[in-house]
Amino acid sequence: MSKQAESNLSRSLRLIMGALGGYAFSAGVVAVIAAGLPHFGLVKSESAILGGMLGMLVYLSIIIWMVASTKPIRASIVILFAAVLMLVGAPLMATV
């Protein structure tokens, strides 16, 4: 493989990981916010809307982080690990 092809492949994998990992991470953020804010007195519908709006900002931030990261493997592991924790923890928060 040529150097240019490796560079293109690396760039493509970063974008794909940023899009998929960012989606999972932002879904976790939305779930945690939507499940957690009603415990502080916010109406469930408003907490879901606020979670969705903040989730879009988080999604954009994750994609930018993946593209700009000097160590994309480490960033991918952190994003996926945090996404799994949030997606598992959000239903537990909703039952409390």
C-alpha atoms as a PDB file:
ATOM      1  CA  MET A   1       0.000   0.000   0.000  1.00  0.00           C
ATOM      2  CA  SER A   2       1.283   3.427  -0.837  1.00  0.00           C
ATOM      3  CA  LYS A   3       1.670   6.186   1.723  1.00  0.00           C
ATOM      4  CA  GLN A   4      -1.222   8.122   0.157  1.00  0.00           C
ATOM      5  CA  ALA A   5      -3.534   5.102   0.316  1.00  0.00           C
ATOM      6  CA  GLU A   6      -2.657   4.517   3.992  1.00  0.00           C
ATOM      7  CA  SER A   7      -3.358   8.150   4.746  1.00  0.00           C
ATOM      8  CA  ASN A   8      -6.730   7.996   2.995  1.00  0.00           C
ATOM      9  CA  LEU A   9      -7.628   4.776   4.819  1.00  0.00           C
ATOM     10  CA  SER A  10      -6.654   6.261   8.175  1.00  0.00           C
ATOM     11  CA  ARG A  11      -8.690   9.384   7.494  1.00  0.00           C
ATOM     12  CA  SER A  12     -11.702   7.321   6.432  1.00  0.00           C
ATOM     13  CA  LEU A  13     -11.515   5.097   9.513  1.00  0.00           C
ATOM     14  CA  ARG A  14     -11.318   8.158  11.767  1.00  0.00           C
ATOM     15  CA  LEU A  15     -14.439   9.619  10.185  1.00  0.00           C
ATOM     16  CA  ILE A  16     -16.327   6.331  10.402  1.00  0.00           C
ATOM     17  CA  MET A  17     -15.309   5.806  14.025  1.00  0.00           C
ATOM     18  CA  GLY A  18     -16.185   9.405  14.830  1.00  0.00           C
ATOM     19  CA  ALA A  19     -19.610   9.023  13.269  1.00  0.00           C
ATOM     20  CA  LEU A  20     -20.484   5.628  14.792  1.00  0.00           C
ATOM     21  CA  GLY A  21     -18.772   6.102  18.144  1.00  0.00           C
ATOM     22  CA  GLY A  22     -20.052   9.656  18.378  1.00  0.00           C
ATOM     23  CA  TYR A  23     -23.586   8.458  17.741  1.00  0.00           C
ATOM     24  CA  ALA A  24     -23.358   5.834  20.490  1.00  0.00           C
ATOM     25  CA  PHE A  25     -21.761   8.309  22.896  1.00  0.00           C
ATOM     26  CA  SER A  26     -24.302  11.044  22.212  1.00  0.00           C
ATOM     27  CA  ALA A  27     -27.153   8.531  22.589  1.00  0.00           C
ATOM     28  CA  GLY A  28     -25.743   7.684  25.998  1.00  0.00           C
ATOM     29  CA  VAL A  29     -25.545  11.359  26.929  1.00  0.00           C
ATOM     30  CA  VAL A  30     -29.161  11.886  25.886  1.00  0.00           C
ATOM     31  CA  ALA A  31     -30.277   8.831  27.867  1.00  0.00           C
ATOM     32  CA  VAL A  32     -28.410   9.892  31.010  1.00  0.00           C
ATOM     33  CA  ILE A  33     -29.729  13.460  30.837  1.00  0.00           C
ATOM     34  CA  ALA A  34     -33.288  12.352  30.112  1.00  0.00           C
ATOM     35  CA  ALA A  35     -33.191   9.843  32.981  1.00  0.00           C
ATOM     36  CA  GLY A  36     -31.321  12.019  35.466  1.00  0.00           C
ATOM     37  CA  LEU A  37     -32.853  15.476  35.248  1.00  0.00           C
ATOM     38  CA  PRO A  38     -36.352  14.488  36.420  1.00  0.00           C
ATOM     39  CA  HIS A  39     -34.744  13.632  39.780  1.00  0.00           C
ATOM     40  CA  PHE A  40     -33.863  17.332  40.089  1.00  0.00           C
ATOM     41  CA  GLY A  41     -37.420  18.504  39.470  1.00  0.00           C
ATOM     42  CA  LEU A  42     -37.412  19.016  35.698  1.00  0.00           C
ATOM     43  CA  VAL A  43     -40.388  17.654  33.744  1.00  0.00           C
ATOM     44  CA  LYS A  44     -39.592  14.453  31.815  1.00  0.00           C
ATOM     45  CA  SER A  45     -40.488  15.925  28.432  1.00  0.00           C
ATOM     46  CA  GLU A  46     -38.274  18.971  28.993  1.00  0.00           C
ATOM     47  CA  SER A  47     -35.366  16.830  30.151  1.00  0.00           C
ATOM     48  CA  ALA A  48     -35.666  14.689  27.009  1.00  0.00           C
ATOM     49  CA  ILE A  49     -35.652  17.778  24.780  1.00  0.00           C
ATOM     50  CA  LEU A  50     -32.685  19.272  26.640  1.00  0.00           C
ATOM     51  CA  GLY A  51     -30.853  15.946  26.361  1.00  0.00           C
ATOM     52  CA  GLY A  52     -31.476  15.848  22.620  1.00  0.00           C
ATOM     53  CA  MET A  53     -30.160  19.371  22.111  1.00  0.00           C
ATOM     54  CA  LEU A  54     -27.042  18.718  24.173  1.00  0.00           C
ATOM     55  CA  GLY A  55     -26.588  15.374  22.408  1.00  0.00           C
ATOM     56  CA  MET A  56     -26.170  17.162  19.080  1.00  0.00           C
ATOM     57  CA  LEU A  57     -23.363  19.306  20.507  1.00  0.00           C
ATOM     58  CA  VAL A  58     -21.695  16.237  21.995  1.00  0.00           C
ATOM     59  CA  TYR A  59     -21.973  14.384  18.674  1.00  0.00           C
ATOM     60  CA  LEU A  60     -20.268  17.216  16.815  1.00  0.00           C
ATOM     61  CA  SER A  61     -17.560  17.452  19.478  1.00  0.00           C
ATOM     62  CA  ILE A  62     -16.806  13.727  19.278  1.00  0.00           C
ATOM     63  CA  ILE A  63     -16.446  13.825  15.499  1.00  0.00           C
ATOM     64  CA  ILE A  64     -14.077  16.801  15.723  1.00  0.00           C
ATOM     65  CA  TRP A  65     -12.093  15.060  18.468  1.00  0.00           C
ATOM     66  CA  MET A  66     -11.705  11.892  16.409  1.00  0.00           C
ATOM     67  CA  VAL A  67     -10.532  13.772  13.329  1.00  0.00           C
ATOM     68  CA  ALA A  68      -8.085  15.939  15.296  1.00  0.00           C
ATOM     69  CA  SER A  69      -6.796  13.200  17.602  1.00  0.00           C
ATOM     70  CA  THR A  70      -3.151  12.197  17.358  1.00  0.00           C
ATOM     71  CA  LYS A  71      -3.994   8.774  18.839  1.00  0.00           C
ATOM     72  CA  PRO A  72      -7.261   7.632  17.242  1.00  0.00           C
ATOM     73  CA  ILE A  73      -7.131   4.159  18.794  1.00  0.00           C
ATOM     74  CA  ARG A  74      -7.078   5.585  22.316  1.00  0.00           C
ATOM     75  CA  ALA A  75      -9.863   8.028  21.486  1.00  0.00           C
ATOM     76  CA  SER A  76     -11.968   5.204  20.015  1.00  0.00           C
ATOM     77  CA  ILE A  77     -11.547   3.063  23.116  1.00  0.00           C
ATOM     78  CA  VAL A  78     -12.468   5.944  25.431  1.00  0.00           C
ATOM     79  CA  ILE A  79     -15.532   6.857  23.368  1.00  0.00           C
ATOM     80  CA  LEU A  80     -16.859   3.298  23.134  1.00  0.00           C
ATOM     81  CA  PHE A  81     -16.192   2.507  26.798  1.00  0.00           C
ATOM     82  CA  ALA A  82     -17.957   5.675  27.956  1.00  0.00           C
ATOM     83  CA  ALA A  83     -20.858   5.039  25.570  1.00  0.00           C
ATOM     84  CA  VAL A  84     -21.386   1.531  26.936  1.00  0.00           C
ATOM     85  CA  LEU A  85     -21.260   2.799  30.524  1.00  0.00           C
ATOM     86  CA  MET A  86     -23.835   5.498  29.817  1.00  0.00           C
ATOM     87  CA  LEU A  87     -26.158   3.257  27.837  1.00  0.00           C
ATOM     88  CA  VAL A  88     -26.077   0.651  30.618  1.00  0.00           C
ATOM     89  CA  GLY A  89     -26.318   3.199  33.439  1.00  0.00           C
ATOM     90  CA  ALA A  90     -29.207   5.263  32.078  1.00  0.00           C
ATOM     91  CA  PRO A  91     -31.897   2.583  32.574  1.00  0.00           C
ATOM     92  CA  LEU A  92     -30.607   2.065  36.105  1.00  0.00           C
ATOM     93  CA  MET A  93     -30.984   5.795  36.793  1.00  0.00           C
ATOM     94  CA  ALA A  94     -34.538   5.767  35.452  1.00  0.00           C
ATOM     95  CA  THR A  95     -35.637   3.081  37.919  1.00  0.00           C
ATOM     96  CA  VAL A  96     -34.344   4.939  40.992  1.00  0.00           C
END
